C-alpha atoms as a PDB file:
ATOM      1  CA  UNK A   1     -14.828  -6.771   5.793  1.00  0.00           C
ATOM      2  CA  UNK A   2     -13.083  -4.865   3.068  1.00  0.00           C
ATOM      3  CA  UNK A   3      -9.898  -2.850   3.602  1.00  0.00           C
ATOM      4  CA  UNK A   4      -8.348  -0.828   0.771  1.00  0.00           C
ATOM      5  CA  UNK A   5      -4.627  -1.096   1.555  1.00  0.00           C
ATOM      6  CA  UNK A   6      -3.387   1.441  -1.042  1.00  0.00           C
ATOM      7  CA  UNK A   7      -5.083   4.809  -1.497  1.00  0.00           C
ATOM      8  CA  UNK A   8      -4.116   8.473  -1.874  1.00  0.00           C
ATOM      9  CA  UNK A   9      -5.440  11.726  -0.666  1.00  0.00           C
ATOM     10  CA  UNK A  10      -4.896  15.068  -2.444  1.00  0.00           C
ATOM     11  CA  UNK A  11      -3.816  15.726  -6.023  1.00  0.00           C
ATOM     12  CA  UNK A  12      -0.694  15.818  -8.153  1.00  0.00           C
ATOM     13  CA  UNK A  13       0.395  18.320 -10.830  1.00  0.00           C
ATOM     14  CA  UNK A  14       1.523  15.386 -12.982  1.00  0.00           C
ATOM     15  CA  UNK A  15      -1.930  13.861 -13.442  1.00  0.00           C
ATOM     16  CA  UNK A  16      -5.553  14.812 -13.887  1.00  0.00           C
ATOM     17  CA  UNK A  17      -7.857  14.045 -10.990  1.00  0.00           C
ATOM     18  CA  UNK A  18     -11.592  14.354 -11.595  1.00  0.00           C
ATOM     19  CA  UNK A  19     -12.608  14.381  -7.929  1.00  0.00           C
ATOM     20  CA  UNK A  20     -10.374  14.202  -4.834  1.00  0.00           C
ATOM     21  CA  UNK A  21     -12.934  15.231  -2.177  1.00  0.00           C
ATOM     22  CA  UNK A  22     -12.891  13.162   0.997  1.00  0.00           C
ATOM     23  CA  UNK A  23     -16.733  13.106   0.968  1.00  0.00           C
ATOM     24  CA  UNK A  24     -16.797  11.667  -2.542  1.00  0.00           C
ATOM     25  CA  UNK A  25     -14.327   8.957  -1.561  1.00  0.00           C
ATOM     26  CA  UNK A  26     -16.260   8.150   1.605  1.00  0.00           C
ATOM     27  CA  UNK A  27     -19.575   7.949  -0.311  1.00  0.00           C
ATOM     28  CA  UNK A  28     -18.054   5.489  -2.785  1.00  0.00           C
ATOM     29  CA  UNK A  29     -16.618   3.437   0.088  1.00  0.00           C
ATOM     30  CA  UNK A  30     -20.080   3.219   1.595  1.00  0.00           C
ATOM     31  CA  UNK A  31     -21.601   2.006  -1.712  1.00  0.00           C
ATOM     32  CA  UNK A  32     -18.839  -0.595  -2.124  1.00  0.00           C
ATOM     33  CA  UNK A  33     -18.872  -1.562   1.573  1.00  0.00           C
ATOM     34  CA  UNK A  34     -15.221  -0.677   2.013  1.00  0.00           C
ATOM     35  CA  UNK A  35     -14.690  -0.389   5.777  1.00  0.00           C
ATOM     36  CA  UNK A  36     -11.353   1.361   5.884  1.00  0.00           C
ATOM     37  CA  UNK A  37      -8.649   2.782   3.624  1.00  0.00           C
ATOM     38  CA  UNK A  38      -4.902   3.123   4.130  1.00  0.00           C
ATOM     39  CA  UNK A  39      -3.876   6.351   2.481  1.00  0.00           C
ATOM     40  CA  UNK A  40      -0.719   8.291   1.728  1.00  0.00           C
ATOM     41  CA  UNK A  41      -1.257  11.982   0.979  1.00  0.00           C
ATOM     42  CA  UNK A  42       0.305  12.947  -2.304  1.00  0.00           C
ATOM     43  CA  UNK A  43       1.599  16.186  -0.789  1.00  0.00           C
ATOM     44  CA  UNK A  44       3.798  14.153   1.568  1.00  0.00           C
ATOM     45  CA  UNK A  45       5.311  12.360  -1.407  1.00  0.00           C
ATOM     46  CA  UNK A  46       5.822  15.466  -3.564  1.00  0.00           C
ATOM     47  CA  UNK A  47       7.295  18.130  -1.321  1.00  0.00           C
ATOM     48  CA  UNK A  48       4.169  19.659   0.255  1.00  0.00           C
ATOM     49  CA  UNK A  49       4.653  17.794   3.515  1.00  0.00           C
ATOM     50  CA  UNK A  50       2.868  20.333   5.763  1.00  0.00           C
ATOM     51  CA  UNK A  51      -0.234  20.350   3.576  1.00  0.00           C
ATOM     52  CA  UNK A  52      -0.302  16.566   3.411  1.00  0.00           C
ATOM     53  CA  UNK A  53       0.057  16.274   7.187  1.00  0.00           C
ATOM     54  CA  UNK A  54      -2.744  18.721   7.954  1.00  0.00           C
ATOM     55  CA  UNK A  55      -5.169  17.244   5.446  1.00  0.00           C
ATOM     56  CA  UNK A  56      -4.419  13.703   6.668  1.00  0.00           C
ATOM     57  CA  UNK A  57      -5.368  14.641  10.245  1.00  0.00           C
ATOM     58  CA  UNK A  58      -8.506  16.405   9.002  1.00  0.00           C
ATOM     59  CA  UNK A  59      -9.534  13.360   6.916  1.00  0.00           C
ATOM     60  CA  UNK A  60      -9.010  10.994   9.831  1.00  0.00           C
ATOM     61  CA  UNK A  61     -11.365  13.119  11.967  1.00  0.00           C
ATOM     62  CA  UNK A  62     -13.890  13.668   9.132  1.00  0.00           C
ATOM     63  CA  UNK A  63     -14.191   9.910   8.483  1.00  0.00           C
ATOM     64  CA  UNK A  64     -14.142   8.882  12.175  1.00  0.00           C
ATOM     65  CA  UNK A  65     -10.933   6.891  11.614  1.00  0.00           C
ATOM     66  CA  UNK A  66     -12.002   5.104   8.463  1.00  0.00           C
ATOM     67  CA  UNK A  67      -9.111   6.849   6.697  1.00  0.00           C
ATOM     68  CA  UNK A  68      -5.729   6.005   8.230  1.00  0.00           C
ATOM     69  CA  UNK A  69      -2.420   7.094   6.859  1.00  0.00           C
ATOM     70  CA  UNK A  70       1.147   6.203   5.923  1.00  0.00           C
ATOM     71  CA  UNK A  71       3.898   8.739   6.520  1.00  0.00           C
ATOM     72  CA  UNK A  72       5.985   9.298   3.388  1.00  0.00           C
ATOM     73  CA  UNK A  73       9.736   9.080   3.698  1.00  0.00           C
ATOM     74  CA  UNK A  74      11.901  11.039   1.247  1.00  0.00           C
ATOM     75  CA  UNK A  75      15.547   9.759   1.282  1.00  0.00           C
ATOM     76  CA  UNK A  76      16.714  13.070  -0.217  1.00  0.00           C
ATOM     77  CA  UNK A  77      15.337  15.223   2.610  1.00  0.00           C
ATOM     78  CA  UNK A  78      17.426  15.347   5.815  1.00  0.00           C
ATOM     79  CA  UNK A  79      14.315  16.289   7.856  1.00  0.00           C
ATOM     80  CA  UNK A  80      12.183  13.418   6.566  1.00  0.00           C
ATOM     81  CA  UNK A  81      13.046  10.768   9.146  1.00  0.00           C
ATOM     82  CA  UNK A  82      12.236  13.117  11.995  1.00  0.00           C
ATOM     83  CA  UNK A  83       8.879  13.996  10.390  1.00  0.00           C
ATOM     84  CA  UNK A  84       8.021  10.340   9.914  1.00  0.00           C
ATOM     85  CA  UNK A  85       8.886   9.651  13.552  1.00  0.00           C
ATOM     86  CA  UNK A  86       6.495  12.397  14.634  1.00  0.00           C
ATOM     87  CA  UNK A  87       3.748  10.951  12.507  1.00  0.00           C
ATOM     88  CA  UNK A  88       4.145   7.493  13.980  1.00  0.00           C
ATOM     89  CA  UNK A  89       3.569   8.955  17.448  1.00  0.00           C
ATOM     90  CA  UNK A  90      -0.007   9.653  16.374  1.00  0.00           C
ATOM     91  CA  UNK A  91      -2.925   7.227  16.008  1.00  0.00           C
ATOM     92  CA  UNK A  92      -3.671   8.551  12.484  1.00  0.00           C
ATOM     93  CA  UNK A  93      -0.502   6.940  11.059  1.00  0.00           C
ATOM     94  CA  UNK A  94      -0.083   3.209  10.814  1.00  0.00           C
ATOM     95  CA  UNK A  95       2.999   2.774   8.649  1.00  0.00           C
ATOM     96  CA  UNK A  96       5.537   4.225   6.192  1.00  0.00           C
ATOM     97  CA  UNK A  97       5.401   4.844   2.425  1.00  0.00           C
ATOM     98  CA  UNK A  98       8.466   4.930   0.185  1.00  0.00           C
ATOM     99  CA  UNK A  99       8.688   5.584  -3.557  1.00  0.00           C
ATOM    100  CA  UNK A 100      12.172   4.919  -5.042  1.00  0.00           C
ATOM    101  CA  UNK A 101      11.114   5.926  -8.573  1.00  0.00           C
ATOM    102  CA  UNK A 102       9.518   9.215  -7.607  1.00  0.00           C
ATOM    103  CA  UNK A 103      12.438  10.168  -5.397  1.00  0.00           C
ATOM    104  CA  UNK A 104      15.045   8.916  -7.905  1.00  0.00           C
ATOM    105  CA  UNK A 105      16.706   6.737  -5.280  1.00  0.00           C
ATOM    106  CA  UNK A 106      17.312   3.014  -5.863  1.00  0.00           C
ATOM    107  CA  UNK A 107      15.371   0.751  -3.474  1.00  0.00           C
ATOM    108  CA  UNK A 108      18.551  -0.838  -2.166  1.00  0.00           C
ATOM    109  CA  UNK A 109      20.261   2.556  -1.477  1.00  0.00           C
ATOM    110  CA  UNK A 110      21.774   3.055   1.975  1.00  0.00           C
ATOM    111  CA  UNK A 111      19.702   6.220   2.382  1.00  0.00           C
ATOM    112  CA  UNK A 112      16.692   3.996   3.118  1.00  0.00           C
ATOM    113  CA  UNK A 113      18.415   2.169   6.004  1.00  0.00           C
ATOM    114  CA  UNK A 114      17.258   4.674   8.649  1.00  0.00           C
ATOM    115  CA  UNK A 115      13.592   4.275   7.803  1.00  0.00           C
ATOM    116  CA  UNK A 116      13.889   0.470   7.830  1.00  0.00           C
ATOM    117  CA  UNK A 117      15.452   0.730  11.263  1.00  0.00           C
ATOM    118  CA  UNK A 118      12.604   2.957  12.383  1.00  0.00           C
ATOM    119  CA  UNK A 119       9.977   0.561  11.023  1.00  0.00           C
ATOM    120  CA  UNK A 120      11.650  -2.298  12.852  1.00  0.00           C
ATOM    121  CA  UNK A 121      11.684  -0.395  16.118  1.00  0.00           C
ATOM    122  CA  UNK A 122       8.106   0.754  15.782  1.00  0.00           C
ATOM    123  CA  UNK A 123       6.829  -2.568  14.366  1.00  0.00           C
ATOM    124  CA  UNK A 124       5.033  -0.887  11.499  1.00  0.00           C
ATOM    125  CA  UNK A 125       4.890  -1.961   7.825  1.00  0.00           C
ATOM    126  CA  UNK A 126       6.485  -0.239   4.849  1.00  0.00           C
ATOM    127  CA  UNK A 127       4.445   0.139   1.685  1.00  0.00           C
ATOM    128  CA  UNK A 128       6.472   0.822  -1.431  1.00  0.00           C
ATOM    129  CA  UNK A 129       5.859   1.611  -5.040  1.00  0.00           C
ATOM    130  CA  UNK A 130       7.089  -1.344  -7.116  1.00  0.00           C
ATOM    131  CA  UNK A 131       7.105  -1.651 -10.878  1.00  0.00           C
ATOM    132  CA  UNK A 132       8.558  -3.377 -13.927  1.00  0.00           C
ATOM    133  CA  UNK A 133      11.484  -1.984 -15.879  1.00  0.00           C
ATOM    134  CA  UNK A 134      10.335   0.319 -18.673  1.00  0.00           C
ATOM    135  CA  UNK A 135      12.135   1.837 -21.661  1.00  0.00           C
ATOM    136  CA  UNK A 136       9.419   4.521 -21.818  1.00  0.00           C
ATOM    137  CA  UNK A 137       9.849   5.392 -18.116  1.00  0.00           C
ATOM    138  CA  UNK A 138      13.405   4.383 -17.144  1.00  0.00           C
ATOM    139  CA  UNK A 139      13.151   5.583 -13.525  1.00  0.00           C
ATOM    140  CA  UNK A 140      10.788   2.658 -12.800  1.00  0.00           C
ATOM    141  CA  UNK A 141      13.828   0.381 -12.744  1.00  0.00           C
ATOM    142  CA  UNK A 142      14.658   1.861  -9.300  1.00  0.00           C
ATOM    143  CA  UNK A 143      11.572   0.177  -7.886  1.00  0.00           C
ATOM    144  CA  UNK A 144      11.920  -3.300  -9.432  1.00  0.00           C
ATOM    145  CA  UNK A 145      10.919  -5.838  -6.794  1.00  0.00           C
ATOM    146  CA  UNK A 146      14.275  -7.588  -6.559  1.00  0.00           C
ATOM    147  CA  UNK A 147      15.958  -4.404  -5.517  1.00  0.00           C
ATOM    148  CA  UNK A 148      14.209  -4.532  -2.112  1.00  0.00           C
ATOM    149  CA  UNK A 149      15.629  -7.991  -1.287  1.00  0.00           C
ATOM    150  CA  UNK A 150      18.612  -6.731   0.679  1.00  0.00           C
ATOM    151  CA  UNK A 151      16.462  -4.815   3.165  1.00  0.00           C
ATOM    152  CA  UNK A 152      13.798  -7.549   3.279  1.00  0.00           C
ATOM    153  CA  UNK A 153      16.399 -10.089   4.347  1.00  0.00           C
ATOM    154  CA  UNK A 154      18.137  -7.717   6.763  1.00  0.00           C
ATOM    155  CA  UNK A 155      14.947  -6.660   8.508  1.00  0.00           C
ATOM    156  CA  UNK A 156      12.740  -9.772   8.718  1.00  0.00           C
ATOM    157  CA  UNK A 157      10.645  -8.132  11.430  1.00  0.00           C
ATOM    158  CA  UNK A 158       9.485  -5.442   8.985  1.00  0.00           C
ATOM    159  CA  UNK A 159       6.613  -6.227   6.664  1.00  0.00           C
ATOM    160  CA  UNK A 160       7.159  -4.843   3.164  1.00  0.00           C
ATOM    161  CA  UNK A 161       4.120  -4.440   0.940  1.00  0.00           C
ATOM    162  CA  UNK A 162       5.065  -4.315  -2.748  1.00  0.00           C
ATOM    163  CA  UNK A 163       2.512  -1.839  -4.061  1.00  0.00           C
ATOM    164  CA  UNK A 164       1.071  -2.714  -7.505  1.00  0.00           C
ATOM    165  CA  UNK A 165       2.531  -6.212  -7.057  1.00  0.00           C
ATOM    166  CA  UNK A 166       5.338  -5.272  -9.394  1.00  0.00           C
ATOM    167  CA  UNK A 167       3.253  -3.298 -11.855  1.00  0.00           C
ATOM    168  CA  UNK A 168       3.669  -5.302 -15.103  1.00  0.00           C
ATOM    169  CA  UNK A 169       4.491  -8.823 -16.243  1.00  0.00           C
ATOM    170  CA  UNK A 170       8.146  -9.183 -15.197  1.00  0.00           C
ATOM    171  CA  UNK A 171       7.444  -7.146 -12.097  1.00  0.00           C
ATOM    172  CA  UNK A 172       4.467  -9.374 -11.207  1.00  0.00           C
ATOM    173  CA  UNK A 173       6.667 -12.484 -11.545  1.00  0.00           C
ATOM    174  CA  UNK A 174       9.451 -11.073  -9.411  1.00  0.00           C
ATOM    175  CA  UNK A 175       7.089  -9.718  -6.761  1.00  0.00           C
ATOM    176  CA  UNK A 176       5.216 -12.997  -6.445  1.00  0.00           C
ATOM    177  CA  UNK A 177       8.505 -14.894  -6.149  1.00  0.00           C
ATOM    178  CA  UNK A 178       9.636 -12.588  -3.345  1.00  0.00           C
ATOM    179  CA  UNK A 179       6.340 -12.944  -1.484  1.00  0.00           C
ATOM    180  CA  UNK A 180       6.628 -16.747  -1.766  1.00  0.00           C
ATOM    181  CA  UNK A 181      10.232 -16.763  -0.496  1.00  0.00           C
ATOM    182  CA  UNK A 182       9.985 -14.191   2.327  1.00  0.00           C
ATOM    183  CA  UNK A 183       7.371 -14.362   5.072  1.00  0.00           C
ATOM    184  CA  UNK A 184       7.538 -10.547   5.512  1.00  0.00           C
ATOM    185  CA  UNK A 185       6.731  -9.655   1.907  1.00  0.00           C
ATOM    186  CA  UNK A 186       3.139  -8.956   0.772  1.00  0.00           C
ATOM    187  CA  UNK A 187       1.620  -7.671  -2.453  1.00  0.00           C
ATOM    188  CA  UNK A 188      -1.233  -5.294  -3.160  1.00  0.00           C
ATOM    189  CA  UNK A 189      -3.378  -5.156  -6.287  1.00  0.00           C
ATOM    190  CA  UNK A 190      -3.341  -1.389  -6.846  1.00  0.00           C
ATOM    191  CA  UNK A 191      -2.454   0.062 -10.213  1.00  0.00           C
ATOM    192  CA  UNK A 192      -3.596   0.028 -13.822  1.00  0.00           C
ATOM    193  CA  UNK A 193      -2.782  -3.553 -14.757  1.00  0.00           C
ATOM    194  CA  UNK A 194      -6.000  -5.469 -15.607  1.00  0.00           C
ATOM    195  CA  UNK A 195      -4.520  -8.579 -17.230  1.00  0.00           C
ATOM    196  CA  UNK A 196      -7.041 -11.393 -17.604  1.00  0.00           C
ATOM    197  CA  UNK A 197      -6.508 -13.832 -14.755  1.00  0.00           C
ATOM    198  CA  UNK A 198      -4.127 -11.629 -12.764  1.00  0.00           C
ATOM    199  CA  UNK A 199      -5.651 -12.289  -9.362  1.00  0.00           C
ATOM    200  CA  UNK A 200      -5.693 -16.030  -9.965  1.00  0.00           C
ATOM    201  CA  UNK A 201      -2.085 -15.880 -11.121  1.00  0.00           C
ATOM    202  CA  UNK A 202      -0.913 -13.993  -8.042  1.00  0.00           C
ATOM    203  CA  UNK A 203      -2.839 -16.295  -5.697  1.00  0.00           C
ATOM    204  CA  UNK A 204      -1.244 -19.340  -7.381  1.00  0.00           C
ATOM    205  CA  UNK A 205       2.269 -17.884  -7.386  1.00  0.00           C
ATOM    206  CA  UNK A 206       2.374 -16.031  -4.055  1.00  0.00           C
ATOM    207  CA  UNK A 207      -0.544 -17.382  -2.029  1.00  0.00           C
ATOM    208  CA  UNK A 208      -3.835 -15.738  -1.033  1.00  0.00           C
ATOM    209  CA  UNK A 209      -2.376 -15.038   2.372  1.00  0.00           C
ATOM    210  CA  UNK A 210       0.165 -12.680   0.767  1.00  0.00           C
ATOM    211  CA  UNK A 211      -2.194 -10.536  -1.363  1.00  0.00           C
ATOM    212  CA  UNK A 212      -4.158  -7.417  -0.396  1.00  0.00           C
ATOM    213  CA  UNK A 213      -6.860  -5.429  -2.135  1.00  0.00           C
ATOM    214  CA  UNK A 214      -5.531  -1.990  -3.082  1.00  0.00           C
ATOM    215  CA  UNK A 215      -7.192   0.434  -5.450  1.00  0.00           C
ATOM    216  CA  UNK A 216      -4.842   3.400  -5.913  1.00  0.00           C
ATOM    217  CA  UNK A 217      -7.850   5.678  -5.385  1.00  0.00           C
ATOM    218  CA  UNK A 218      -8.110   8.514  -6.357  1.00  0.00           C
ATOM    219  CA  UNK A 219      -5.786   7.846  -9.198  1.00  0.00           C
ATOM    220  CA  UNK A 220      -7.885   4.877 -10.094  1.00  0.00           C
ATOM    221  CA  UNK A 221     -11.515   4.062  -9.448  1.00  0.00           C
ATOM    222  CA  UNK A 222     -11.666   1.324  -6.787  1.00  0.00           C
ATOM    223  CA  UNK A 223     -14.451  -0.495  -8.592  1.00  0.00           C
ATOM    224  CA  UNK A 224     -12.011  -1.875 -11.124  1.00  0.00           C
ATOM    225  CA  UNK A 225      -9.748  -3.690  -8.705  1.00  0.00           C
ATOM    226  CA  UNK A 226     -12.543  -4.659  -6.371  1.00  0.00           C
ATOM    227  CA  UNK A 227     -14.468  -6.279  -9.263  1.00  0.00           C
ATOM    228  CA  UNK A 228     -11.447  -8.276 -10.304  1.00  0.00           C
ATOM    229  CA  UNK A 229     -11.155  -9.770  -6.826  1.00  0.00           C
ATOM    230  CA  UNK A 230     -14.880 -10.362  -6.221  1.00  0.00           C
ATOM    231  CA  UNK A 231     -15.250 -12.295  -9.455  1.00  0.00           C
ATOM    232  CA  UNK A 232     -11.879 -14.046  -9.419  1.00  0.00           C
ATOM    233  CA  UNK A 233     -11.857 -17.815  -9.769  1.00  0.00           C
ATOM    234  CA  UNK A 234     -10.459 -18.400  -6.296  1.00  0.00           C
ATOM    235  CA  UNK A 235     -12.065 -19.862  -3.124  1.00  0.00           C
ATOM    236  CA  UNK A 236     -14.230 -17.629  -0.954  1.00  0.00           C
ATOM    237  CA  UNK A 237     -11.778 -17.931   1.926  1.00  0.00           C
ATOM    238  CA  UNK A 238      -9.048 -16.621  -0.301  1.00  0.00           C
ATOM    239  CA  UNK A 239     -11.212 -13.599  -1.231  1.00  0.00           C
ATOM    240  CA  UNK A 240     -11.793 -12.869   2.449  1.00  0.00           C
ATOM    241  CA  UNK A 241      -8.071 -12.786   3.075  1.00  0.00           C
ATOM    242  CA  UNK A 242      -7.384 -10.590   0.006  1.00  0.00           C
ATOM    243  CA  UNK A 243     -10.251  -8.132   0.640  1.00  0.00           C
ATOM    244  CA  UNK A 244      -9.481  -7.452   4.282  1.00  0.00           C
ATOM    245  CA  UNK A 245      -8.122 -10.193   6.461  1.00  0.00           C
ATOM    246  CA  UNK A 246      -4.477  -9.839   5.446  1.00  0.00           C
ATOM    247  CA  UNK A 247      -4.464  -6.027   5.676  1.00  0.00           C
ATOM    248  CA  UNK A 248      -6.163  -6.128   9.095  1.00  0.00           C
ATOM    249  CA  UNK A 249      -3.326  -8.221  10.429  1.00  0.00           C
ATOM    250  CA  UNK A 250      -0.447  -6.423   8.719  1.00  0.00           C
ATOM    251  CA  UNK A 251      -1.666  -3.014   9.902  1.00  0.00           C
ATOM    252  CA  UNK A 252      -2.740  -4.345  13.300  1.00  0.00           C
ATOM    253  CA  UNK A 253      -6.372  -3.315  13.009  1.00  0.00           C
ATOM    254  CA  UNK A 254      -7.457  -5.266  16.086  1.00  0.00           C
ATOM    255  CA  UNK A 255     -11.131  -4.308  15.727  1.00  0.00           C
ATOM    256  CA  UNK A 256     -11.208  -5.485  12.098  1.00  0.00           C
ATOM    257  CA  UNK A 257      -9.453  -8.760  12.958  1.00  0.00           C
ATOM    258  CA  UNK A 258     -12.107  -9.441  15.613  1.00  0.00           C
ATOM    259  CA  UNK A 259     -14.911  -8.794  13.199  1.00  0.00           C
ATOM    260  CA  UNK A 260     -13.368 -10.997  10.549  1.00  0.00           C
ATOM    261  CA  UNK A 261     -12.829 -13.864  12.986  1.00  0.00           C
ATOM    262  CA  UNK A 262     -16.427 -13.572  14.198  1.00  0.00           C
ATOM    263  CA  UNK A 263     -17.792 -13.578  10.643  1.00  0.00           C
ATOM    264  CA  UNK A 264     -15.845 -16.682   9.704  1.00  0.00           C
ATOM    265  CA  UNK A 265     -16.970 -18.612  12.797  1.00  0.00           C
ATOM    266  CA  UNK A 266     -20.622 -17.689  12.390  1.00  0.00           C
END
């Protein structure tokens, strides 16, 4: 069982995307034996909420539920919380996405409190962009892993997934330390960091039970991150957790949990 815990649908004016077709993504998933993806439509993150919502529903139907979605919360939009609530009433949406750097709002800002309250009430996870501090891209400091600690400790019933596992070296170190210290903090492998031994490092620092496969498709080809995990020098049981077992439990994919348990007992 393989679950890609960090994907995107749609395109962005800030980057070049060679192919964003749902059919292309689904065909690649079939080749790689990826059972399900957890997506956030880029339109929802970048001001085209209606488009993102419609295309998310269409993709869920087109893929027979193999694409499920996160509802993006924008702390600068007074309507955003109501829209996220409406999404979580539907089977297509399984959690919340936040992006402090993109929305220029520090991760610890009080404007995020309402969505943490909502996630606690609905018992759904929050997936966030997390990254290292960067002189070339100063806004990334708003998503440094340690900045989420206040909310993580205040809402222990909410699972926080640090997308990109902190993004770069200092971010990786801080993210792994948070995952080790807090039972409700997980990491995903998405992003463009391909440091030699990264998977082994994160397993050693945070634990295989805290790490999820994420590709960042269609920004990034999923074969890169998947290959790093499949050939990592970690036990097979650890790879099973990373590739799908952890995500199945965090996102409450009951059918996937049953299949994983059956495969391990056979």
